[in-house]
Amino acid sequence: MARPSWTSDPVEEQRRRKRDVVRRLRAQGRYGPRFRDVLPSFTVLAVLVCAAVAGLAAGFRAVGVVVPVVGVLLTAVVLTVGIRRRRPGARRRRGHYTPQELLELDIQGLALAVARMLRRDHWKVRLLPAPDRPRLCARHQDGRRLDVAFRPVAEPLPDEALPHPRTHGEDPDAFLHVVVHRGTFRARDVRWARREGRTVLLDGPALARWADGVSLDRLLAGEP
């Protein structure tokens, strides 16, 4: 029996809906890479695998079974170490966080994350925990010192003192006050920091770049 012209084929309708869903997901960047996007990586991987197999075969013919066994063991060790280093927990312990992970942290967790990022950049860090106002004291091997505070507003509270006051003979240029905020500082905070001198404000975008691997020195220097 012929299908009326005003009805649609269920299979064709399902395909059309699937194409629309895929188009929307690609427009939002959530569908994943296309084949042509991953083809270069697959090609490089295939070349490396073929080269490794050829090397193992040549070593087997020249030396014996020792070369393939050692090659397989080394490959297993490298893969195991790589997988462990890519785990979220291990990545965070090395001082690398995603923007979403930073947003999900409470104030204590944010202080711990910044301490790990400082250690990643070769600073010696001392965490001063507090329920709502944790602080960090950091010292670099070149003599620089940091006082790191966490709050939405840059200006210090009336009852708040620096955790390590500057001594009489200390170089004032070696001391830096850093205020970390996951959001955006207001104009009055920026003006206050300029008046204070030796005060740097790290907002959300700068913090995300730091957590992604950019060094603190580059951020302090204003480098892209």
N, C-alpha and C. Protein backbone atom coordinates (compact mmCIF):
# COMPACT_ATOMS: atom_id res chain seq x y z
N MET A 1 0.84 -1.19 0.00
CA MET A 1 0.00 0.00 0.00
C MET A 1 0.89 1.25 0.00
N ALA A 2 0.61 2.17 -0.88
CA ALA A 2 1.43 3.37 -1.02
C ALA A 2 1.21 4.29 0.19
N ARG A 3 2.29 4.93 0.63
CA ARG A 3 2.23 5.85 1.76
C ARG A 3 1.74 7.21 1.27
N PRO A 4 0.79 7.82 1.96
CA PRO A 4 0.31 9.15 1.55
C PRO A 4 1.46 10.14 1.47
N SER A 5 1.37 11.07 0.56
CA SER A 5 2.45 12.03 0.32
C SER A 5 2.66 12.97 1.49
N TRP A 6 1.59 13.18 2.32
CA TRP A 6 1.73 14.13 3.39
C TRP A 6 2.34 13.52 4.65
N THR A 7 2.59 12.21 4.64
CA THR A 7 3.25 11.57 5.79
C THR A 7 4.74 11.46 5.52
N SER A 8 5.52 11.37 6.56
CA SER A 8 6.97 11.27 6.43
C SER A 8 7.44 9.90 6.83
N ASP A 9 8.51 9.45 6.24
CA ASP A 9 9.11 8.17 6.57
C ASP A 9 9.69 8.24 7.97
N PRO A 10 9.31 7.32 8.89
CA PRO A 10 9.86 7.39 10.26
C PRO A 10 11.37 7.31 10.29
N VAL A 11 11.96 6.48 9.43
CA VAL A 11 13.42 6.36 9.42
C VAL A 11 14.07 7.67 8.98
N GLU A 12 13.51 8.27 7.92
CA GLU A 12 14.06 9.53 7.44
C GLU A 12 13.87 10.64 8.47
N GLU A 13 12.74 10.63 9.16
CA GLU A 13 12.51 11.62 10.21
C GLU A 13 13.50 11.47 11.36
N GLN A 14 13.82 10.24 11.73
CA GLN A 14 14.79 9.99 12.79
C GLN A 14 16.19 10.45 12.37
N ARG A 15 16.54 10.20 11.11
CA ARG A 15 17.85 10.65 10.62
C ARG A 15 17.94 12.17 10.62
N ARG A 16 16.83 12.81 10.22
CA ARG A 16 16.83 14.26 10.20
C ARG A 16 17.00 14.83 11.60
N ARG A 17 16.32 14.25 12.58
CA ARG A 17 16.46 14.71 13.96
C ARG A 17 17.88 14.49 14.47
N LYS A 18 18.48 13.36 14.11
CA LYS A 18 19.85 13.09 14.54
C LYS A 18 20.82 14.10 13.95
N ARG A 19 20.61 14.43 12.64
CA ARG A 19 21.47 15.43 12.02
C ARG A 19 21.32 16.79 12.71
N ASP A 20 20.09 17.15 13.09
CA ASP A 20 19.88 18.42 13.79
C ASP A 20 20.56 18.43 15.14
N VAL A 21 20.49 17.32 15.88
CA VAL A 21 21.13 17.24 17.19
C VAL A 21 22.64 17.36 17.04
N VAL A 22 23.21 16.64 16.07
CA VAL A 22 24.66 16.69 15.85
C VAL A 22 25.09 18.10 15.47
N ARG A 23 24.27 18.76 14.64
CA ARG A 23 24.61 20.13 14.22
C ARG A 23 24.62 21.08 15.41
N ARG A 24 23.63 20.93 16.30
CA ARG A 24 23.59 21.80 17.48
C ARG A 24 24.76 21.53 18.42
N LEU A 25 25.09 20.24 18.63
CA LEU A 25 26.19 19.90 19.52
C LEU A 25 27.52 20.41 18.97
N ARG A 26 27.70 20.32 17.66
CA ARG A 26 28.93 20.82 17.06
C ARG A 26 29.02 22.34 17.18
N ALA A 27 27.88 23.00 17.03
CA ALA A 27 27.89 24.46 17.17
C ALA A 27 28.25 24.87 18.59
N GLN A 28 27.90 24.03 19.58
CA GLN A 28 28.22 24.33 20.98
C GLN A 28 29.58 23.79 21.40
N GLY A 29 30.26 23.07 20.49
CA GLY A 29 31.56 22.51 20.82
C GLY A 29 31.49 21.31 21.73
N ARG A 30 30.37 20.59 21.75
CA ARG A 30 30.19 19.47 22.67
C ARG A 30 30.11 18.13 21.96
N TYR A 31 30.20 18.10 20.65
CA TYR A 31 30.04 16.83 19.94
C TYR A 31 31.36 16.06 19.83
N GLY A 32 32.46 16.75 19.94
CA GLY A 32 33.74 16.08 19.80
C GLY A 32 34.36 16.34 18.43
N PRO A 33 35.61 15.93 18.25
CA PRO A 33 36.30 16.20 16.98
C PRO A 33 35.78 15.34 15.85
N ARG A 34 35.90 15.85 14.64
CA ARG A 34 35.58 15.07 13.46
C ARG A 34 36.77 14.20 13.08
N PHE A 35 36.53 13.29 12.13
CA PHE A 35 37.59 12.36 11.74
C PHE A 35 38.78 13.10 11.16
N ARG A 36 38.52 14.12 10.36
CA ARG A 36 39.63 14.87 9.76
C ARG A 36 40.43 15.64 10.80
N ASP A 37 39.81 15.90 11.97
CA ASP A 37 40.55 16.59 13.02
C ASP A 37 41.53 15.67 13.74
N VAL A 38 41.17 14.40 13.86
CA VAL A 38 42.04 13.45 14.57
C VAL A 38 42.91 12.64 13.64
N LEU A 39 42.70 12.77 12.32
CA LEU A 39 43.49 11.98 11.37
C LEU A 39 44.99 12.22 11.50
N PRO A 40 45.47 13.48 11.63
CA PRO A 40 46.92 13.66 11.80
C PRO A 40 47.48 12.94 13.02
N SER A 41 46.74 12.97 14.13
CA SER A 41 47.23 12.29 15.33
C SER A 41 47.26 10.78 15.13
N PHE A 42 46.21 10.24 14.47
CA PHE A 42 46.20 8.81 14.19
C PHE A 42 47.36 8.42 13.27
N THR A 43 47.66 9.28 12.30
CA THR A 43 48.76 8.99 11.39
C THR A 43 50.10 8.94 12.11
N VAL A 44 50.33 9.94 12.98
CA VAL A 44 51.58 9.95 13.76
C VAL A 44 51.66 8.74 14.66
N LEU A 45 50.53 8.38 15.30
CA LEU A 45 50.52 7.21 16.18
C LEU A 45 50.83 5.94 15.41
N ALA A 46 50.25 5.79 14.20
CA ALA A 46 50.50 4.61 13.40
C ALA A 46 51.97 4.51 12.99
N VAL A 47 52.55 5.66 12.63
CA VAL A 47 53.97 5.67 12.25
C VAL A 47 54.84 5.27 13.44
N LEU A 48 54.53 5.80 14.63
CA LEU A 48 55.32 5.47 15.81
C LEU A 48 55.19 3.99 16.16
N VAL A 49 53.98 3.43 16.05
CA VAL A 49 53.79 2.01 16.35
C VAL A 49 54.56 1.15 15.36
N CYS A 50 54.47 1.49 14.08
CA CYS A 50 55.19 0.72 13.07
C CYS A 50 56.71 0.80 13.29
N ALA A 51 57.19 1.99 13.64
CA ALA A 51 58.62 2.15 13.89
C ALA A 51 59.06 1.33 15.11
N ALA A 52 58.22 1.33 16.15
CA ALA A 52 58.56 0.56 17.34
C ALA A 52 58.59 -0.94 17.04
N VAL A 53 57.60 -1.41 16.28
CA VAL A 53 57.57 -2.83 15.93
C VAL A 53 58.77 -3.20 15.07
N ALA A 54 59.10 -2.33 14.12
CA ALA A 54 60.27 -2.60 13.27
C ALA A 54 61.55 -2.63 14.10
N GLY A 55 61.67 -1.69 15.07
CA GLY A 55 62.85 -1.68 15.92
C GLY A 55 62.96 -2.92 16.78
N LEU A 56 61.82 -3.38 17.33
CA LEU A 56 61.84 -4.60 18.14
C LEU A 56 62.20 -5.81 17.29
N ALA A 57 61.67 -5.86 16.07
CA ALA A 57 62.00 -6.99 15.18
C ALA A 57 63.47 -7.00 14.82
N ALA A 58 64.03 -5.82 14.53
CA ALA A 58 65.45 -5.75 14.21
C ALA A 58 66.30 -6.14 15.41
N GLY A 59 65.91 -5.67 16.59
CA GLY A 59 66.65 -6.04 17.79
C GLY A 59 66.57 -7.52 18.08
N PHE A 60 65.41 -8.13 17.82
CA PHE A 60 65.25 -9.57 18.03
C PHE A 60 66.18 -10.36 17.11
N ARG A 61 66.28 -9.92 15.85
CA ARG A 61 67.14 -10.63 14.91
C ARG A 61 68.62 -10.44 15.27
N ALA A 62 68.96 -9.26 15.83
CA ALA A 62 70.37 -9.00 16.11
C ALA A 62 70.82 -9.57 17.45
N VAL A 63 69.99 -9.46 18.48
CA VAL A 63 70.40 -9.84 19.84
C VAL A 63 69.65 -11.05 20.35
N GLY A 64 68.37 -11.10 20.06
CA GLY A 64 67.56 -12.18 20.58
C GLY A 64 66.32 -11.66 21.26
N VAL A 65 65.76 -12.47 22.13
CA VAL A 65 64.48 -12.14 22.75
C VAL A 65 64.61 -11.04 23.79
N VAL A 66 65.82 -10.68 24.20
CA VAL A 66 66.01 -9.68 25.26
C VAL A 66 65.46 -8.33 24.84
N VAL A 67 65.73 -7.91 23.62
CA VAL A 67 65.29 -6.59 23.16
C VAL A 67 63.78 -6.46 23.16
N PRO A 68 63.00 -7.39 22.58
CA PRO A 68 61.54 -7.25 22.65
C PRO A 68 60.99 -7.23 24.07
N VAL A 69 61.56 -8.07 24.95
CA VAL A 69 61.07 -8.11 26.32
C VAL A 69 61.33 -6.77 27.02
N VAL A 70 62.55 -6.25 26.88
CA VAL A 70 62.88 -4.96 27.50
C VAL A 70 62.01 -3.85 26.91
N GLY A 71 61.79 -3.88 25.60
CA GLY A 71 60.95 -2.86 24.97
C GLY A 71 59.52 -2.88 25.47
N VAL A 72 58.96 -4.07 25.62
CA VAL A 72 57.59 -4.18 26.13
C VAL A 72 57.51 -3.69 27.57
N LEU A 73 58.50 -4.03 28.39
CA LEU A 73 58.49 -3.60 29.79
C LEU A 73 58.61 -2.08 29.89
N LEU A 74 59.49 -1.49 29.09
CA LEU A 74 59.63 -0.04 29.11
C LEU A 74 58.35 0.64 28.66
N THR A 75 57.71 0.10 27.63
CA THR A 75 56.45 0.67 27.16
C THR A 75 55.38 0.60 28.24
N ALA A 76 55.31 -0.54 28.95
CA ALA A 76 54.32 -0.68 30.01
C ALA A 76 54.58 0.32 31.14
N VAL A 77 55.86 0.52 31.48
CA VAL A 77 56.18 1.47 32.56
C VAL A 77 55.82 2.89 32.14
N VAL A 78 56.16 3.26 30.90
CA VAL A 78 55.85 4.62 30.43
C VAL A 78 54.34 4.85 30.40
N LEU A 79 53.58 3.88 29.91
CA LEU A 79 52.13 4.03 29.88
C LEU A 79 51.54 4.13 31.28
N THR A 80 52.05 3.32 32.21
CA THR A 80 51.54 3.37 33.58
C THR A 80 51.80 4.72 34.22
N VAL A 81 53.03 5.22 34.06
CA VAL A 81 53.36 6.53 34.63
C VAL A 81 52.53 7.63 33.99
N GLY A 82 52.36 7.56 32.67
CA GLY A 82 51.56 8.58 31.98
C GLY A 82 50.11 8.59 32.43
N ILE A 83 49.53 7.40 32.60
CA ILE A 83 48.13 7.32 33.04
C ILE A 83 47.99 7.86 34.46
N ARG A 84 48.93 7.52 35.34
CA ARG A 84 48.84 8.00 36.71
C ARG A 84 49.00 9.51 36.79
N ARG A 85 49.89 10.06 35.96
CA ARG A 85 50.11 11.51 36.00
C ARG A 85 48.92 12.27 35.45
N ARG A 86 48.11 11.63 34.60
CA ARG A 86 46.96 12.30 34.02
C ARG A 86 45.72 12.19 34.89
N ARG A 87 45.79 11.42 35.96
CA ARG A 87 44.63 11.32 36.85
C ARG A 87 44.38 12.68 37.52
N PRO A 88 43.10 13.03 37.73
CA PRO A 88 42.80 14.35 38.31
C PRO A 88 43.50 14.60 39.63
N GLY A 89 43.53 13.60 40.51
CA GLY A 89 44.16 13.81 41.80
C GLY A 89 45.64 14.09 41.69
N ALA A 90 46.33 13.31 40.86
CA ALA A 90 47.77 13.53 40.68
C ALA A 90 48.03 14.87 39.99
N ARG A 91 47.19 15.22 39.03
CA ARG A 91 47.36 16.51 38.33
C ARG A 91 47.20 17.67 39.30
N ARG A 92 46.19 17.59 40.17
CA ARG A 92 45.98 18.69 41.13
C ARG A 92 47.11 18.77 42.14
N ARG A 93 47.64 17.62 42.56
CA ARG A 93 48.76 17.66 43.51
C ARG A 93 49.99 18.31 42.90
N ARG A 94 50.11 18.27 41.59
CA ARG A 94 51.23 18.94 40.92
C ARG A 94 50.94 20.41 40.65
N GLY A 95 49.77 20.88 41.05
CA GLY A 95 49.45 22.29 40.91
C GLY A 95 48.80 22.67 39.60
N HIS A 96 48.03 21.75 39.01
CA HIS A 96 47.32 22.03 37.77
C HIS A 96 45.82 21.78 38.01
N TYR A 97 45.01 22.80 37.74
CA TYR A 97 43.57 22.73 37.96
C TYR A 97 42.85 23.23 36.71
N THR A 98 41.67 22.68 36.48
CA THR A 98 40.81 23.19 35.42
C THR A 98 39.99 24.37 35.97
N PRO A 99 39.49 25.25 35.10
CA PRO A 99 38.64 26.35 35.60
C PRO A 99 37.44 25.86 36.39
N GLN A 100 36.83 24.76 35.97
CA GLN A 100 35.68 24.25 36.70
C GLN A 100 36.07 23.77 38.09
N GLU A 101 37.23 23.13 38.21
CA GLU A 101 37.70 22.67 39.52
C GLU A 101 37.96 23.85 40.45
N LEU A 102 38.48 24.94 39.92
CA LEU A 102 38.70 26.13 40.76
C LEU A 102 37.39 26.69 41.29
N LEU A 103 36.36 26.70 40.44
CA LEU A 103 35.07 27.24 40.86
C LEU A 103 34.41 26.39 41.94
N GLU A 104 34.70 25.10 41.94
CA GLU A 104 34.05 24.20 42.89
C GLU A 104 34.74 24.18 44.25
N LEU A 105 35.88 24.84 44.40
CA LEU A 105 36.62 24.83 45.66
C LEU A 105 36.03 25.84 46.65
N ASP A 106 36.08 25.49 47.93
CA ASP A 106 35.77 26.49 48.94
C ASP A 106 37.03 27.32 49.20
N ILE A 107 36.97 28.24 50.15
CA ILE A 107 38.08 29.15 50.35
C ILE A 107 39.32 28.40 50.84
N GLN A 108 39.14 27.37 51.68
CA GLN A 108 40.28 26.59 52.14
C GLN A 108 40.87 25.78 51.00
N GLY A 109 40.01 25.20 50.17
CA GLY A 109 40.49 24.45 49.03
C GLY A 109 41.22 25.33 48.03
N LEU A 110 40.74 26.58 47.86
CA LEU A 110 41.41 27.50 46.96
C LEU A 110 42.80 27.86 47.49
N ALA A 111 42.91 28.05 48.80
CA ALA A 111 44.22 28.35 49.39
C ALA A 111 45.18 27.19 49.18
N LEU A 112 44.69 25.96 49.33
CA LEU A 112 45.53 24.79 49.10
C LEU A 112 45.96 24.70 47.64
N ALA A 113 45.04 25.01 46.72
CA ALA A 113 45.36 24.97 45.29
C ALA A 113 46.44 26.00 44.96
N VAL A 114 46.33 27.20 45.50
CA VAL A 114 47.34 28.24 45.24
C VAL A 114 48.68 27.84 45.86
N ALA A 115 48.64 27.21 47.02
CA ALA A 115 49.89 26.74 47.63
C ALA A 115 50.58 25.71 46.73
N ARG A 116 49.80 24.82 46.16
CA ARG A 116 50.38 23.83 45.24
C ARG A 116 50.93 24.49 43.98
N MET A 117 50.24 25.50 43.47
CA MET A 117 50.74 26.19 42.28
C MET A 117 52.03 26.94 42.59
N LEU A 118 52.13 27.52 43.79
CA LEU A 118 53.37 28.19 44.18
C LEU A 118 54.52 27.19 44.28
N ARG A 119 54.26 26.04 44.88
CA ARG A 119 55.31 25.02 44.96
C ARG A 119 55.70 24.53 43.58
N ARG A 120 54.75 24.45 42.68
CA ARG A 120 55.06 24.08 41.30
C ARG A 120 56.03 25.07 40.68
N ASP A 121 55.91 26.35 41.08
CA ASP A 121 56.79 27.40 40.55
C ASP A 121 58.00 27.62 41.44
N HIS A 122 58.32 26.63 42.29
CA HIS A 122 59.56 26.62 43.09
C HIS A 122 59.54 27.66 44.21
N TRP A 123 58.39 27.87 44.84
CA TRP A 123 58.29 28.70 46.03
C TRP A 123 58.14 27.79 47.25
N LYS A 124 58.73 28.18 48.35
CA LYS A 124 58.50 27.52 49.63
C LYS A 124 57.31 28.19 50.29
N VAL A 125 56.31 27.40 50.65
CA VAL A 125 55.02 27.96 51.05
C VAL A 125 54.68 27.52 52.47
N ARG A 126 54.10 28.44 53.22
CA ARG A 126 53.55 28.14 54.54
C ARG A 126 52.10 28.60 54.55
N LEU A 127 51.18 27.67 54.81
CA LEU A 127 49.76 27.96 54.82
C LEU A 127 49.32 28.33 56.22
N LEU A 128 48.64 29.47 56.35
CA LEU A 128 48.08 29.90 57.63
C LEU A 128 46.57 29.73 57.55
N PRO A 129 46.04 28.59 57.99
CA PRO A 129 44.61 28.33 57.83
C PRO A 129 43.77 29.18 58.76
N ALA A 130 42.59 29.52 58.29
CA ALA A 130 41.60 30.25 59.07
C ALA A 130 40.23 29.90 58.50
N PRO A 131 39.18 29.95 59.32
CA PRO A 131 37.86 29.55 58.81
C PRO A 131 37.42 30.32 57.58
N ASP A 132 37.67 31.63 57.56
CA ASP A 132 37.17 32.43 56.44
C ASP A 132 38.26 33.27 55.78
N ARG A 133 39.47 33.33 56.37
CA ARG A 133 40.51 34.19 55.83
C ARG A 133 41.87 33.48 55.86
N PRO A 134 42.05 32.42 55.09
CA PRO A 134 43.37 31.77 55.05
C PRO A 134 44.39 32.69 54.39
N ARG A 135 45.64 32.53 54.76
CA ARG A 135 46.74 33.31 54.18
C ARG A 135 47.88 32.37 53.80
N LEU A 136 48.70 32.83 52.88
CA LEU A 136 49.88 32.08 52.48
C LEU A 136 51.10 32.98 52.63
N CYS A 137 52.17 32.42 53.17
CA CYS A 137 53.47 33.08 53.17
C CYS A 137 54.38 32.25 52.29
N ALA A 138 55.02 32.88 51.34
CA ALA A 138 55.87 32.16 50.40
C ALA A 138 57.21 32.87 50.26
N ARG A 139 58.25 32.07 50.06
CA ARG A 139 59.59 32.62 49.88
C ARG A 139 60.25 31.90 48.71
N HIS A 140 60.89 32.70 47.85
CA HIS A 140 61.60 32.14 46.71
C HIS A 140 63.09 32.08 47.04
N GLN A 141 63.80 31.21 46.34
CA GLN A 141 65.23 31.05 46.62
C GLN A 141 66.04 32.30 46.26
N ASP A 142 65.45 33.18 45.43
CA ASP A 142 66.16 34.41 45.09
C ASP A 142 65.92 35.53 46.09
N GLY A 143 65.19 35.23 47.18
CA GLY A 143 64.98 36.21 48.24
C GLY A 143 63.63 36.89 48.22
N ARG A 144 62.84 36.69 47.20
CA ARG A 144 61.52 37.33 47.14
C ARG A 144 60.57 36.68 48.15
N ARG A 145 59.64 37.50 48.66
CA ARG A 145 58.65 37.01 49.61
C ARG A 145 57.27 37.43 49.16
N LEU A 146 56.31 36.57 49.42
CA LEU A 146 54.92 36.82 49.04
C LEU A 146 54.02 36.70 50.26
N ASP A 147 53.04 37.57 50.31
CA ASP A 147 51.92 37.42 51.23
C ASP A 147 50.68 37.30 50.35
N VAL A 148 49.98 36.17 50.44
CA VAL A 148 48.84 35.89 49.56
C VAL A 148 47.57 35.88 50.40
N ALA A 149 46.60 36.70 50.00
CA ALA A 149 45.31 36.77 50.68
C ALA A 149 44.22 36.38 49.70
N PHE A 150 43.09 35.92 50.24
CA PHE A 150 41.97 35.46 49.42
C PHE A 150 40.71 36.18 49.87
N ARG A 151 40.15 36.99 48.98
CA ARG A 151 38.91 37.67 49.31
C ARG A 151 38.35 38.34 48.06
N PRO A 152 37.06 38.64 48.05
CA PRO A 152 36.49 39.34 46.89
C PRO A 152 36.96 40.78 46.79
N VAL A 153 37.28 41.41 47.93
CA VAL A 153 37.69 42.82 47.94
C VAL A 153 39.16 42.87 48.31
N ALA A 154 39.92 43.70 47.63
CA ALA A 154 41.36 43.72 47.82
C ALA A 154 41.77 44.34 49.15
N GLU A 155 41.09 45.39 49.58
CA GLU A 155 41.54 46.11 50.76
C GLU A 155 41.49 45.22 52.00
N PRO A 156 42.52 45.29 52.86
CA PRO A 156 42.53 44.44 54.06
C PRO A 156 41.48 44.87 55.06
N LEU A 157 41.06 43.93 55.86
CA LEU A 157 40.09 44.23 56.90
C LEU A 157 40.78 44.98 58.04
N PRO A 158 40.02 45.75 58.86
CA PRO A 158 40.65 46.58 59.89
C PRO A 158 41.47 45.79 60.90
N ASP A 159 41.06 44.56 61.21
CA ASP A 159 41.76 43.79 62.24
C ASP A 159 42.78 42.82 61.64
N GLU A 160 43.13 43.02 60.40
CA GLU A 160 44.01 42.06 59.73
C GLU A 160 45.40 42.65 59.58
N ALA A 161 46.41 41.88 60.01
CA ALA A 161 47.80 42.29 59.87
C ALA A 161 48.51 41.29 58.97
N LEU A 162 49.60 41.72 58.35
CA LEU A 162 50.36 40.82 57.51
C LEU A 162 50.95 39.70 58.36
N PRO A 163 50.93 38.46 57.88
CA PRO A 163 51.43 37.33 58.68
C PRO A 163 52.92 37.39 58.90
N HIS A 164 53.68 38.01 58.03
CA HIS A 164 55.12 38.15 58.26
C HIS A 164 55.52 39.59 57.94
N PRO A 165 55.45 40.50 58.92
CA PRO A 165 55.78 41.91 58.67
C PRO A 165 57.22 42.06 58.21
N ARG A 166 57.42 43.06 57.39
CA ARG A 166 58.75 43.30 56.85
C ARG A 166 59.69 43.80 57.95
N THR A 167 60.89 43.27 57.92
CA THR A 167 61.88 43.68 58.91
C THR A 167 62.56 44.97 58.46
N HIS A 168 63.33 45.54 59.38
CA HIS A 168 63.92 46.86 59.13
C HIS A 168 64.91 46.83 57.96
N GLY A 169 65.72 45.78 57.88
CA GLY A 169 66.75 45.74 56.85
C GLY A 169 66.33 45.05 55.58
N GLU A 170 65.07 44.70 55.45
CA GLU A 170 64.63 43.95 54.27
C GLU A 170 64.40 44.88 53.08
N ASP A 171 64.77 44.38 51.91
CA ASP A 171 64.57 45.13 50.67
C ASP A 171 63.08 45.22 50.40
N PRO A 172 62.49 46.42 50.35
CA PRO A 172 61.04 46.52 50.12
C PRO A 172 60.62 46.00 48.75
N ASP A 173 61.53 46.01 47.79
CA ASP A 173 61.19 45.50 46.46
C ASP A 173 61.12 43.98 46.43
N ALA A 174 61.61 43.32 47.48
CA ALA A 174 61.58 41.86 47.52
C ALA A 174 60.27 41.32 48.09
N PHE A 175 59.43 42.20 48.59
CA PHE A 175 58.18 41.80 49.22
C PHE A 175 57.01 42.18 48.30
N LEU A 176 56.07 41.25 48.15
CA LEU A 176 54.92 41.47 47.28
C LEU A 176 53.66 40.95 47.96
N HIS A 177 52.62 41.76 47.90
CA HIS A 177 51.33 41.38 48.45
C HIS A 177 50.41 41.00 47.29
N VAL A 178 49.89 39.77 47.31
CA VAL A 178 49.06 39.24 46.24
C VAL A 178 47.67 38.96 46.78
N VAL A 179 46.65 39.44 46.08
CA VAL A 179 45.27 39.20 46.46
C VAL A 179 44.63 38.36 45.35
N VAL A 180 44.08 37.21 45.73
CA VAL A 180 43.50 36.26 44.79
C VAL A 180 41.98 36.31 44.88
N HIS A 181 41.35 36.39 43.73
CA HIS A 181 39.88 36.44 43.66
C HIS A 181 39.45 35.69 42.40
N ARG A 182 38.51 34.75 42.54
CA ARG A 182 38.06 33.98 41.37
C ARG A 182 37.15 34.78 40.46
N GLY A 183 36.66 35.91 40.93
CA GLY A 183 35.79 36.74 40.11
C GLY A 183 36.56 37.89 39.49
N THR A 184 35.92 39.07 39.49
CA THR A 184 36.52 40.27 38.89
C THR A 184 36.62 41.35 39.95
N PHE A 185 37.77 41.99 40.05
CA PHE A 185 37.95 43.07 41.00
C PHE A 185 37.25 44.34 40.50
N ARG A 186 36.78 45.13 41.45
CA ARG A 186 36.14 46.39 41.10
C ARG A 186 37.18 47.48 40.87
N ALA A 187 36.74 48.57 40.29
CA ALA A 187 37.66 49.65 39.97
C ALA A 187 38.33 50.21 41.22
N ARG A 188 37.60 50.30 42.32
CA ARG A 188 38.19 50.84 43.54
C ARG A 188 39.27 49.92 44.09
N ASP A 189 39.15 48.60 43.87
CA ASP A 189 40.20 47.68 44.29
C ASP A 189 41.47 47.91 43.48
N VAL A 190 41.31 48.14 42.19
CA VAL A 190 42.47 48.40 41.33
C VAL A 190 43.16 49.69 41.76
N ARG A 191 42.35 50.74 42.06
CA ARG A 191 42.95 52.00 42.50
C ARG A 191 43.67 51.83 43.83
N TRP A 192 43.07 51.06 44.74
CA TRP A 192 43.72 50.81 46.03
C TRP A 192 45.06 50.10 45.85
N ALA A 193 45.11 49.09 44.98
CA ALA A 193 46.34 48.34 44.75
C ALA A 193 47.43 49.25 44.18
N ARG A 194 47.04 50.17 43.30
CA ARG A 194 48.03 51.08 42.73
C ARG A 194 48.57 52.03 43.79
N ARG A 195 47.70 52.49 44.68
CA ARG A 195 48.17 53.38 45.75
C ARG A 195 49.11 52.66 46.71
N GLU A 196 48.79 51.41 47.00
CA GLU A 196 49.60 50.67 47.96
C GLU A 196 51.00 50.40 47.41
N GLY A 197 51.10 50.07 46.13
CA GLY A 197 52.39 49.68 45.57
C GLY A 197 52.77 48.28 46.03
N ARG A 198 53.53 47.58 45.22
CA ARG A 198 53.95 46.22 45.52
C ARG A 198 52.75 45.34 45.86
N THR A 199 51.61 45.62 45.26
CA THR A 199 50.39 44.84 45.46
C THR A 199 49.86 44.42 44.11
N VAL A 200 49.58 43.14 43.97
CA VAL A 200 49.11 42.58 42.70
C VAL A 200 47.78 41.89 42.93
N LEU A 201 46.83 42.13 42.02
CA LEU A 201 45.52 41.51 42.08
C LEU A 201 45.45 40.42 41.01
N LEU A 202 45.14 39.20 41.43
CA LEU A 202 44.96 38.09 40.50
C LEU A 202 43.48 37.75 40.44
N ASP A 203 42.84 38.06 39.31
CA ASP A 203 41.41 37.79 39.17
C ASP A 203 41.19 36.40 38.58
N GLY A 204 39.94 36.11 38.25
CA GLY A 204 39.60 34.78 37.75
C GLY A 204 40.36 34.34 36.52
N PRO A 205 40.41 35.14 35.45
CA PRO A 205 41.17 34.73 34.25
C PRO A 205 42.65 34.50 34.52
N ALA A 206 43.28 35.38 35.32
CA ALA A 206 44.69 35.19 35.64
C ALA A 206 44.90 33.93 36.47
N LEU A 207 43.99 33.67 37.41
CA LEU A 207 44.09 32.46 38.23
C LEU A 207 43.94 31.22 37.37
N ALA A 208 43.03 31.25 36.38
CA ALA A 208 42.84 30.10 35.50
C ALA A 208 44.09 29.84 34.66
N ARG A 209 44.74 30.90 34.18
CA ARG A 209 45.97 30.73 33.41
C ARG A 209 47.08 30.14 34.28
N TRP A 210 47.16 30.63 35.51
CA TRP A 210 48.15 30.10 36.44
C TRP A 210 47.90 28.61 36.70
N ALA A 211 46.66 28.24 36.94
CA ALA A 211 46.32 26.85 37.20
C ALA A 211 46.55 25.97 35.98
N ASP A 212 46.53 26.58 34.78
CA ASP A 212 46.73 25.82 33.55
C ASP A 212 48.20 25.59 33.26
N GLY A 213 49.10 26.22 34.01
CA GLY A 213 50.52 25.97 33.82
C GLY A 213 51.37 27.19 33.57
N VAL A 214 50.74 28.36 33.36
CA VAL A 214 51.53 29.59 33.19
C VAL A 214 52.21 29.92 34.51
N SER A 215 53.48 30.29 34.47
CA SER A 215 54.22 30.57 35.70
C SER A 215 53.74 31.87 36.34
N LEU A 216 53.91 31.94 37.66
CA LEU A 216 53.52 33.14 38.38
C LEU A 216 54.36 34.34 37.95
N ASP A 217 55.62 34.13 37.64
CA ASP A 217 56.47 35.24 37.21
C ASP A 217 55.93 35.90 35.95
N ARG A 218 55.41 35.09 35.02
CA ARG A 218 54.84 35.66 33.79
C ARG A 218 53.58 36.46 34.11
N LEU A 219 52.78 35.97 35.04
CA LEU A 219 51.56 36.69 35.42
C LEU A 219 51.92 38.01 36.11
N LEU A 220 52.89 37.98 37.00
CA LEU A 220 53.28 39.19 37.71
C LEU A 220 53.89 40.22 36.77
N ALA A 221 54.54 39.73 35.70
CA ALA A 221 55.13 40.64 34.73
C ALA A 221 54.12 41.12 33.70
N GLY A 222 52.89 40.59 33.74
CA GLY A 222 51.87 40.98 32.79
C GLY A 222 52.07 40.41 31.40
N GLU A 223 52.83 39.32 31.29
CA GLU A 223 53.06 38.72 29.99
C GLU A 223 51.85 37.91 29.56
N PRO A 224 51.56 37.83 28.24
CA PRO A 224 50.42 37.04 27.75
C PRO A 224 50.68 35.56 27.87
